[in-house]
N, C-alpha and C. Protein backbone atom coordinates (compact mmCIF):
# COMPACT_ATOMS: atom_id res chain seq x y z
N MET A 1 -12.68 -10.04 9.41
CA MET A 1 -12.68 -9.97 7.96
C MET A 1 -12.33 -8.57 7.43
N PRO A 2 -12.78 -7.48 8.07
CA PRO A 2 -12.42 -6.16 7.54
C PRO A 2 -10.91 -5.91 7.52
N TRP A 3 -10.18 -6.52 8.47
CA TRP A 3 -8.73 -6.35 8.49
C TRP A 3 -8.07 -7.03 7.30
N ILE A 4 -8.57 -8.18 6.93
CA ILE A 4 -8.04 -8.89 5.76
C ILE A 4 -8.32 -8.07 4.49
N ILE A 5 -9.52 -7.55 4.40
CA ILE A 5 -9.89 -6.72 3.25
C ILE A 5 -9.00 -5.48 3.20
N LEU A 6 -8.73 -4.90 4.36
CA LEU A 6 -7.88 -3.70 4.42
C LEU A 6 -6.46 -4.01 3.97
N VAL A 7 -5.92 -5.12 4.40
CA VAL A 7 -4.56 -5.50 3.97
C VAL A 7 -4.54 -5.75 2.46
N LEU A 8 -5.57 -6.40 1.94
CA LEU A 8 -5.66 -6.61 0.49
C LEU A 8 -5.71 -5.27 -0.25
N ALA A 9 -6.47 -4.32 0.31
CA ALA A 9 -6.52 -2.99 -0.29
C ALA A 9 -5.14 -2.36 -0.32
N GLY A 10 -4.39 -2.54 0.76
CA GLY A 10 -3.02 -2.02 0.81
C GLY A 10 -2.12 -2.68 -0.20
N LEU A 11 -2.29 -3.98 -0.40
CA LEU A 11 -1.48 -4.69 -1.39
C LEU A 11 -1.79 -4.21 -2.81
N PHE A 12 -3.06 -3.93 -3.08
CA PHE A 12 -3.41 -3.38 -4.38
C PHE A 12 -2.87 -1.95 -4.52
N GLU A 13 -2.73 -1.24 -3.41
CA GLU A 13 -2.10 0.08 -3.47
C GLU A 13 -0.64 -0.06 -3.89
N VAL A 14 0.04 -1.07 -3.36
CA VAL A 14 1.41 -1.34 -3.78
C VAL A 14 1.43 -1.61 -5.29
N GLY A 15 0.46 -2.40 -5.74
CA GLY A 15 0.38 -2.72 -7.17
C GLY A 15 0.25 -1.50 -8.05
N TRP A 16 -0.61 -0.55 -7.64
CA TRP A 16 -0.75 0.61 -8.51
C TRP A 16 0.42 1.57 -8.37
N ALA A 17 1.02 1.64 -7.19
CA ALA A 17 2.18 2.51 -7.04
C ALA A 17 3.34 2.02 -7.91
N ILE A 18 3.59 0.71 -7.87
CA ILE A 18 4.64 0.12 -8.70
C ILE A 18 4.23 0.19 -10.17
N GLY A 19 2.95 -0.03 -10.43
CA GLY A 19 2.46 0.03 -11.81
C GLY A 19 2.69 1.39 -12.46
N LEU A 20 2.63 2.45 -11.66
CA LEU A 20 2.87 3.78 -12.22
C LEU A 20 4.24 3.87 -12.89
N LYS A 21 5.21 3.20 -12.30
CA LYS A 21 6.57 3.21 -12.88
C LYS A 21 6.56 2.57 -14.27
N TYR A 22 5.77 1.53 -14.43
CA TYR A 22 5.73 0.81 -15.70
C TYR A 22 4.87 1.47 -16.77
N THR A 23 4.02 2.43 -16.39
CA THR A 23 3.16 3.09 -17.37
C THR A 23 3.92 4.06 -18.26
N ASP A 24 5.12 4.46 -17.82
CA ASP A 24 5.94 5.42 -18.56
C ASP A 24 5.12 6.69 -18.84
N GLY A 25 4.60 7.26 -17.75
CA GLY A 25 3.80 8.49 -17.89
C GLY A 25 2.46 8.24 -18.56
N PHE A 26 1.90 7.08 -18.34
CA PHE A 26 0.62 6.66 -18.93
C PHE A 26 0.68 6.59 -20.46
N THR A 27 1.85 6.27 -20.98
CA THR A 27 1.99 6.14 -22.43
C THR A 27 1.94 4.69 -22.90
N LYS A 28 1.98 3.75 -21.95
CA LYS A 28 1.91 2.33 -22.31
C LYS A 28 0.54 1.79 -21.89
N LEU A 29 -0.19 1.26 -22.86
CA LEU A 29 -1.59 0.88 -22.65
C LEU A 29 -1.79 -0.15 -21.55
N TRP A 30 -1.15 -1.32 -21.65
CA TRP A 30 -1.44 -2.41 -20.72
C TRP A 30 -1.00 -2.09 -19.30
N PRO A 31 0.18 -1.54 -19.09
CA PRO A 31 0.52 -1.16 -17.72
C PRO A 31 -0.43 -0.09 -17.16
N THR A 32 -0.88 0.82 -18.02
CA THR A 32 -1.81 1.85 -17.57
C THR A 32 -3.14 1.23 -17.17
N LEU A 33 -3.65 0.31 -17.97
CA LEU A 33 -4.92 -0.35 -17.64
C LEU A 33 -4.79 -1.16 -16.34
N GLY A 34 -3.69 -1.86 -16.18
CA GLY A 34 -3.47 -2.62 -14.94
C GLY A 34 -3.36 -1.71 -13.73
N THR A 35 -2.69 -0.59 -13.90
CA THR A 35 -2.53 0.36 -12.80
C THR A 35 -3.88 0.95 -12.40
N VAL A 36 -4.66 1.36 -13.38
CA VAL A 36 -5.99 1.93 -13.10
C VAL A 36 -6.88 0.88 -12.44
N ALA A 37 -6.82 -0.36 -12.90
CA ALA A 37 -7.61 -1.43 -12.28
C ALA A 37 -7.20 -1.63 -10.83
N ALA A 38 -5.89 -1.63 -10.56
CA ALA A 38 -5.41 -1.78 -9.17
C ALA A 38 -5.87 -0.61 -8.31
N MET A 39 -5.90 0.60 -8.87
CA MET A 39 -6.39 1.76 -8.14
C MET A 39 -7.85 1.59 -7.73
N VAL A 40 -8.66 1.19 -8.69
CA VAL A 40 -10.09 1.02 -8.44
C VAL A 40 -10.33 -0.07 -7.40
N ILE A 41 -9.65 -1.19 -7.55
CA ILE A 41 -9.81 -2.29 -6.59
C ILE A 41 -9.35 -1.87 -5.20
N SER A 42 -8.21 -1.19 -5.14
CA SER A 42 -7.68 -0.76 -3.85
C SER A 42 -8.66 0.17 -3.14
N LEU A 43 -9.14 1.17 -3.84
CA LEU A 43 -10.08 2.11 -3.22
C LEU A 43 -11.41 1.44 -2.86
N GLY A 44 -11.85 0.52 -3.71
CA GLY A 44 -13.09 -0.20 -3.42
C GLY A 44 -12.96 -1.04 -2.15
N LEU A 45 -11.85 -1.76 -2.02
CA LEU A 45 -11.64 -2.57 -0.82
C LEU A 45 -11.47 -1.69 0.42
N LEU A 46 -10.80 -0.56 0.27
CA LEU A 46 -10.66 0.37 1.39
C LEU A 46 -12.04 0.84 1.86
N GLY A 47 -12.90 1.18 0.91
CA GLY A 47 -14.25 1.61 1.26
C GLY A 47 -15.03 0.53 1.99
N ILE A 48 -14.88 -0.71 1.56
CA ILE A 48 -15.57 -1.81 2.24
C ILE A 48 -15.04 -1.98 3.65
N ALA A 49 -13.72 -1.92 3.82
CA ALA A 49 -13.13 -2.08 5.15
C ALA A 49 -13.55 -0.96 6.08
N MET A 50 -13.73 0.23 5.54
CA MET A 50 -14.10 1.39 6.37
C MET A 50 -15.54 1.31 6.88
N LYS A 51 -16.31 0.39 6.36
CA LYS A 51 -17.67 0.23 6.89
C LYS A 51 -17.64 -0.15 8.36
N SER A 52 -16.62 -0.90 8.77
CA SER A 52 -16.59 -1.37 10.16
C SER A 52 -15.32 -1.01 10.92
N LEU A 53 -14.38 -0.34 10.28
CA LEU A 53 -13.15 0.09 10.97
C LEU A 53 -13.14 1.61 11.08
N PRO A 54 -12.49 2.14 12.11
CA PRO A 54 -12.38 3.59 12.22
C PRO A 54 -11.65 4.18 11.01
N VAL A 55 -12.12 5.30 10.52
CA VAL A 55 -11.58 5.88 9.30
C VAL A 55 -10.09 6.21 9.43
N GLY A 56 -9.69 6.79 10.53
CA GLY A 56 -8.29 7.15 10.71
C GLY A 56 -7.38 5.95 10.73
N THR A 57 -7.80 4.93 11.42
CA THR A 57 -7.02 3.69 11.49
C THR A 57 -6.96 3.02 10.13
N ALA A 58 -8.10 2.88 9.49
CA ALA A 58 -8.15 2.20 8.19
C ALA A 58 -7.28 2.92 7.17
N TYR A 59 -7.39 4.23 7.11
CA TYR A 59 -6.62 4.98 6.12
C TYR A 59 -5.12 4.87 6.41
N ALA A 60 -4.75 5.00 7.68
CA ALA A 60 -3.34 4.92 8.04
C ALA A 60 -2.76 3.54 7.73
N ILE A 61 -3.51 2.49 8.00
CA ILE A 61 -3.05 1.14 7.70
C ILE A 61 -2.90 0.96 6.19
N TRP A 62 -3.89 1.43 5.45
CA TRP A 62 -3.86 1.34 3.98
C TRP A 62 -2.62 2.02 3.42
N VAL A 63 -2.38 3.24 3.87
CA VAL A 63 -1.21 3.99 3.40
C VAL A 63 0.08 3.31 3.85
N GLY A 64 0.10 2.84 5.09
CA GLY A 64 1.31 2.21 5.62
C GLY A 64 1.67 0.93 4.90
N VAL A 65 0.68 0.08 4.66
CA VAL A 65 0.93 -1.16 3.90
C VAL A 65 1.44 -0.80 2.51
N GLY A 66 0.81 0.19 1.90
CA GLY A 66 1.24 0.62 0.57
C GLY A 66 2.66 1.16 0.58
N ALA A 67 2.99 1.97 1.58
CA ALA A 67 4.32 2.57 1.65
C ALA A 67 5.39 1.51 1.88
N VAL A 68 5.17 0.64 2.83
CA VAL A 68 6.16 -0.40 3.14
C VAL A 68 6.34 -1.33 1.94
N GLY A 69 5.25 -1.77 1.36
CA GLY A 69 5.34 -2.66 0.21
C GLY A 69 6.02 -2.01 -0.99
N THR A 70 5.73 -0.73 -1.19
CA THR A 70 6.33 -0.03 -2.32
C THR A 70 7.83 0.17 -2.11
N VAL A 71 8.23 0.48 -0.89
CA VAL A 71 9.67 0.61 -0.61
C VAL A 71 10.37 -0.71 -0.86
N ILE A 72 9.80 -1.79 -0.36
CA ILE A 72 10.44 -3.10 -0.52
C ILE A 72 10.53 -3.49 -1.99
N LEU A 73 9.43 -3.32 -2.74
CA LEU A 73 9.48 -3.66 -4.16
C LEU A 73 10.36 -2.71 -4.95
N GLY A 74 10.45 -1.46 -4.53
CA GLY A 74 11.37 -0.54 -5.17
C GLY A 74 12.81 -1.01 -5.06
N ILE A 75 13.13 -1.55 -3.90
CA ILE A 75 14.48 -2.09 -3.68
C ILE A 75 14.70 -3.33 -4.55
N VAL A 76 13.72 -4.21 -4.56
CA VAL A 76 13.85 -5.48 -5.28
C VAL A 76 13.80 -5.28 -6.80
N LEU A 77 12.84 -4.51 -7.28
CA LEU A 77 12.62 -4.40 -8.72
C LEU A 77 13.46 -3.33 -9.40
N PHE A 78 13.72 -2.23 -8.69
CA PHE A 78 14.36 -1.08 -9.33
C PHE A 78 15.72 -0.75 -8.73
N GLN A 79 16.24 -1.65 -7.90
CA GLN A 79 17.55 -1.46 -7.27
C GLN A 79 17.67 -0.12 -6.55
N GLU A 80 16.57 0.31 -5.93
CA GLU A 80 16.62 1.53 -5.12
C GLU A 80 17.50 1.25 -3.90
N PRO A 81 18.07 2.29 -3.31
CA PRO A 81 19.01 2.07 -2.21
C PRO A 81 18.35 1.40 -1.00
N MET A 82 19.09 0.49 -0.40
CA MET A 82 18.67 -0.14 0.85
C MET A 82 19.77 0.14 1.87
N ASN A 83 19.51 1.11 2.71
CA ASN A 83 20.50 1.42 3.73
C ASN A 83 19.83 1.38 5.10
N ALA A 84 20.63 1.50 6.11
CA ALA A 84 20.14 1.33 7.48
C ALA A 84 19.04 2.34 7.82
N LEU A 85 19.20 3.58 7.44
CA LEU A 85 18.20 4.59 7.77
C LEU A 85 16.86 4.30 7.10
N ARG A 86 16.89 3.87 5.86
CA ARG A 86 15.64 3.50 5.17
C ARG A 86 14.97 2.32 5.87
N MET A 87 15.74 1.32 6.22
CA MET A 87 15.17 0.13 6.84
C MET A 87 14.64 0.43 8.24
N VAL A 88 15.33 1.26 9.00
CA VAL A 88 14.83 1.68 10.32
C VAL A 88 13.53 2.45 10.14
N SER A 89 13.48 3.30 9.14
CA SER A 89 12.27 4.08 8.88
C SER A 89 11.10 3.18 8.50
N VAL A 90 11.34 2.18 7.67
CA VAL A 90 10.30 1.21 7.32
C VAL A 90 9.87 0.45 8.57
N GLY A 91 10.83 0.09 9.41
CA GLY A 91 10.50 -0.59 10.67
C GLY A 91 9.62 0.26 11.57
N LEU A 92 9.87 1.56 11.59
CA LEU A 92 9.02 2.45 12.39
C LEU A 92 7.60 2.51 11.84
N ILE A 93 7.47 2.49 10.52
CA ILE A 93 6.13 2.46 9.93
C ILE A 93 5.42 1.17 10.33
N VAL A 94 6.12 0.05 10.24
CA VAL A 94 5.53 -1.24 10.63
C VAL A 94 5.13 -1.21 12.10
N ALA A 95 5.99 -0.66 12.96
CA ALA A 95 5.66 -0.56 14.38
C ALA A 95 4.40 0.29 14.59
N GLY A 96 4.28 1.36 13.82
CA GLY A 96 3.08 2.20 13.91
C GLY A 96 1.84 1.46 13.47
N LEU A 97 1.96 0.65 12.41
CA LEU A 97 0.81 -0.13 11.94
C LEU A 97 0.38 -1.14 12.99
N ILE A 98 1.35 -1.80 13.60
CA ILE A 98 1.02 -2.76 14.67
C ILE A 98 0.34 -2.05 15.83
N GLY A 99 0.87 -0.88 16.19
CA GLY A 99 0.27 -0.11 17.27
C GLY A 99 -1.17 0.28 16.97
N LEU A 100 -1.43 0.71 15.75
CA LEU A 100 -2.79 1.07 15.37
C LEU A 100 -3.72 -0.13 15.42
N LYS A 101 -3.23 -1.27 14.98
CA LYS A 101 -4.06 -2.49 15.05
C LYS A 101 -4.37 -2.86 16.49
N LEU A 102 -3.38 -2.79 17.34
CA LEU A 102 -3.59 -3.14 18.75
C LEU A 102 -4.51 -2.16 19.47
N ALA A 103 -4.49 -0.91 19.04
CA ALA A 103 -5.30 0.12 19.69
C ALA A 103 -6.71 0.23 19.11
N SER A 104 -7.02 -0.54 18.08
CA SER A 104 -8.33 -0.46 17.44
C SER A 104 -9.29 -1.48 18.00
N PRO A 105 -10.57 -1.11 17.98
CA PRO A 105 -11.58 -2.06 18.48
C PRO A 105 -11.73 -3.27 17.58
């Protein structure tokens, strides 16, 4: 169960990272409120997952899920560049996340 909670925390991290783009420098009320809510939920879920997972592993997975998800949504939503080097780099992050999961108790 802590792994599921950790992945959910990472998904909420994606939500607040993408939400920052929509806040327009925190000048738009509803996107700002949604972004802040996603931040709080993400950190809260991370804290719950860290009760039973190693801190280094949990934090790295949280950041990695957030980074990969944000890159993918940046490509889809904002037409950010999708080139071979970016995709290989994302693949390396995913490989690292899998390695951390396999190496964790």
